[in-house]
Amino acid sequence: MTELTEDRKQKYERFKQFFAIARQRYLEAGGDPRKGADGSYLTDEEKKEFFGLGRELGNVRIIGDEVHTTGRSWKLPPKKSDEMEKCES
């Protein structure tokens, strides 16, 4: 059980690192220090890992075209073909 807890802590620390990375890049690009950065300051690979960690840490599963979390589920809207290409690359 301790290993799971330690693994989860490590994943959470990595998750927080992405916020710090995005914020630093945002500030270096001249962003307002009173505001937060958005996802545009992460690379595609970083976003992929970030969202994967978020789903895992938040106990979110995507099964087919449905999102499942904490006893709730809902259907995802259909993807447009250009959005599909972005997600797969």
C-alpha atoms as a PDB file:
ATOM      1  CA  MET A   1       0.000   0.000   0.000  1.00  0.00           C
ATOM      2  CA  THR A   2       2.885   2.357   0.730  1.00  0.00           C
ATOM      3  CA  GLU A   3       4.222   1.836  -2.794  1.00  0.00           C
ATOM      4  CA  LEU A   4       0.910   2.931  -4.301  1.00  0.00           C
ATOM      5  CA  THR A   5       0.846   5.996  -2.090  1.00  0.00           C
ATOM      6  CA  GLU A   6       4.439   6.858  -2.982  1.00  0.00           C
ATOM      7  CA  ASP A   7       3.748   6.307  -6.692  1.00  0.00           C
ATOM      8  CA  ARG A   8       0.719   8.572  -6.496  1.00  0.00           C
ATOM      9  CA  LYS A   9       2.747  11.257  -4.702  1.00  0.00           C
ATOM     10  CA  GLN A  10       5.398  11.127  -7.421  1.00  0.00           C
ATOM     11  CA  LYS A  11       2.760  11.454 -10.130  1.00  0.00           C
ATOM     12  CA  TYR A  12       1.185  14.392  -8.329  1.00  0.00           C
ATOM     13  CA  GLU A  13       4.582  16.108  -8.043  1.00  0.00           C
ATOM     14  CA  ARG A  14       5.120  15.603 -11.782  1.00  0.00           C
ATOM     15  CA  PHE A  15       1.618  16.975 -12.412  1.00  0.00           C
ATOM     16  CA  LYS A  16       2.476  20.115 -10.393  1.00  0.00           C
ATOM     17  CA  GLN A  17       5.735  20.507 -12.340  1.00  0.00           C
ATOM     18  CA  PHE A  18       3.731  21.053 -15.509  1.00  0.00           C
ATOM     19  CA  PHE A  19       1.961  24.019 -13.907  1.00  0.00           C
ATOM     20  CA  ALA A  20       5.340  25.480 -12.920  1.00  0.00           C
ATOM     21  CA  ILE A  21       6.787  24.905 -16.407  1.00  0.00           C
ATOM     22  CA  ALA A  22       3.806  26.561 -18.111  1.00  0.00           C
ATOM     23  CA  ARG A  23       3.895  29.493 -15.691  1.00  0.00           C
ATOM     24  CA  GLN A  24       7.616  30.070 -16.197  1.00  0.00           C
ATOM     25  CA  ARG A  25       7.253  30.033 -19.986  1.00  0.00           C
ATOM     26  CA  TYR A  26       4.242  32.343 -19.721  1.00  0.00           C
ATOM     27  CA  LEU A  27       6.201  34.857 -17.646  1.00  0.00           C
ATOM     28  CA  GLU A  28       9.240  34.610 -19.952  1.00  0.00           C
ATOM     29  CA  ALA A  29       6.924  35.434 -22.868  1.00  0.00           C
ATOM     30  CA  GLY A  30       5.856  38.639 -21.076  1.00  0.00           C
ATOM     31  CA  GLY A  31       2.679  37.340 -19.429  1.00  0.00           C
ATOM     32  CA  ASP A  32       0.942  39.164 -16.592  1.00  0.00           C
ATOM     33  CA  PRO A  33       2.347  37.785 -13.293  1.00  0.00           C
ATOM     34  CA  ARG A  34      -1.069  38.286 -11.655  1.00  0.00           C
ATOM     35  CA  LYS A  35      -2.666  35.803 -14.051  1.00  0.00           C
ATOM     36  CA  GLY A  36      -2.144  32.120 -14.689  1.00  0.00           C
ATOM     37  CA  ALA A  37      -0.796  30.457 -17.791  1.00  0.00           C
ATOM     38  CA  ASP A  38      -2.887  28.237 -20.031  1.00  0.00           C
ATOM     39  CA  GLY A  39      -2.009  25.019 -21.815  1.00  0.00           C
ATOM     40  CA  SER A  40      -0.532  26.802 -24.817  1.00  0.00           C
ATOM     41  CA  TYR A  41       2.778  27.056 -22.935  1.00  0.00           C
ATOM     42  CA  LEU A  42       3.272  23.283 -22.883  1.00  0.00           C
ATOM     43  CA  THR A  43       4.544  21.203 -25.781  1.00  0.00           C
ATOM     44  CA  ASP A  44       2.254  18.582 -27.316  1.00  0.00           C
ATOM     45  CA  GLU A  45       4.190  15.825 -25.548  1.00  0.00           C
ATOM     46  CA  GLU A  46       3.955  17.650 -22.208  1.00  0.00           C
ATOM     47  CA  LYS A  47       0.211  18.185 -22.693  1.00  0.00           C
ATOM     48  CA  LYS A  48      -0.268  14.503 -23.430  1.00  0.00           C
ATOM     49  CA  GLU A  49       1.537  13.504 -20.220  1.00  0.00           C
ATOM     50  CA  PHE A  50      -0.169  16.272 -18.209  1.00  0.00           C
ATOM     51  CA  PHE A  51      -3.690  15.249 -19.239  1.00  0.00           C
ATOM     52  CA  GLY A  52      -2.873  11.571 -18.765  1.00  0.00           C
ATOM     53  CA  LEU A  53      -1.699  12.259 -15.213  1.00  0.00           C
ATOM     54  CA  GLY A  54      -4.765  14.399 -14.556  1.00  0.00           C
ATOM     55  CA  ARG A  55      -7.094  11.641 -15.685  1.00  0.00           C
ATOM     56  CA  GLU A  56      -5.228   9.078 -13.601  1.00  0.00           C
ATOM     57  CA  LEU A  57      -4.986  11.196 -10.466  1.00  0.00           C
ATOM     58  CA  GLY A  58      -8.602  12.292 -10.783  1.00  0.00           C
ATOM     59  CA  ASN A  59      -9.796   8.727 -11.367  1.00  0.00           C
ATOM     60  CA  VAL A  60     -11.181   9.656 -14.777  1.00  0.00           C
ATOM     61  CA  ARG A  61     -11.532   6.932 -17.406  1.00  0.00           C
ATOM     62  CA  ILE A  62     -12.512   7.359 -21.020  1.00  0.00           C
ATOM     63  CA  ILE A  63     -14.256   4.269 -22.334  1.00  0.00           C
ATOM     64  CA  GLY A  64     -15.249   4.494 -25.978  1.00  0.00           C
ATOM     65  CA  ASP A  65     -17.163   7.756 -26.312  1.00  0.00           C
ATOM     66  CA  GLU A  66     -17.969   8.113 -22.583  1.00  0.00           C
ATOM     67  CA  VAL A  67     -16.203   9.706 -19.624  1.00  0.00           C
ATOM     68  CA  HIS A  68     -16.497   7.859 -16.291  1.00  0.00           C
ATOM     69  CA  THR A  69     -15.552   9.323 -12.908  1.00  0.00           C
ATOM     70  CA  THR A  70     -16.715   8.997  -9.307  1.00  0.00           C
ATOM     71  CA  GLY A  71     -20.015   7.303 -10.070  1.00  0.00           C
ATOM     72  CA  ARG A  72     -20.864   9.667 -12.925  1.00  0.00           C
ATOM     73  CA  SER A  73     -20.568   9.301 -16.664  1.00  0.00           C
ATOM     74  CA  TRP A  74     -21.406  11.307 -19.768  1.00  0.00           C
ATOM     75  CA  LYS A  75     -20.967  11.047 -23.515  1.00  0.00           C
ATOM     76  CA  LEU A  76     -18.238  12.969 -25.280  1.00  0.00           C
ATOM     77  CA  PRO A  77     -19.315  15.215 -28.143  1.00  0.00           C
ATOM     78  CA  PRO A  78     -18.391  13.891 -31.592  1.00  0.00           C
ATOM     79  CA  LYS A  79     -14.957  15.032 -32.746  1.00  0.00           C
ATOM     80  CA  LYS A  80     -14.439  16.986 -35.921  1.00  0.00           C
ATOM     81  CA  SER A  81     -11.942  15.482 -38.344  1.00  0.00           C
ATOM     82  CA  ASP A  82      -9.354  18.260 -37.773  1.00  0.00           C
ATOM     83  CA  GLU A  83      -9.607  17.800 -33.994  1.00  0.00           C
ATOM     84  CA  MET A  84      -9.101  14.059 -34.456  1.00  0.00           C
ATOM     85  CA  GLU A  85      -5.831  14.680 -36.299  1.00  0.00           C
ATOM     86  CA  LYS A  86      -4.555  16.933 -33.492  1.00  0.00           C
ATOM     87  CA  CYS A  87      -5.361  14.358 -30.820  1.00  0.00           C
ATOM     88  CA  GLU A  88      -3.727  11.478 -32.644  1.00  0.00           C
ATOM     89  CA  SER A  89      -0.492  13.289 -33.469  1.00  0.00           C
END
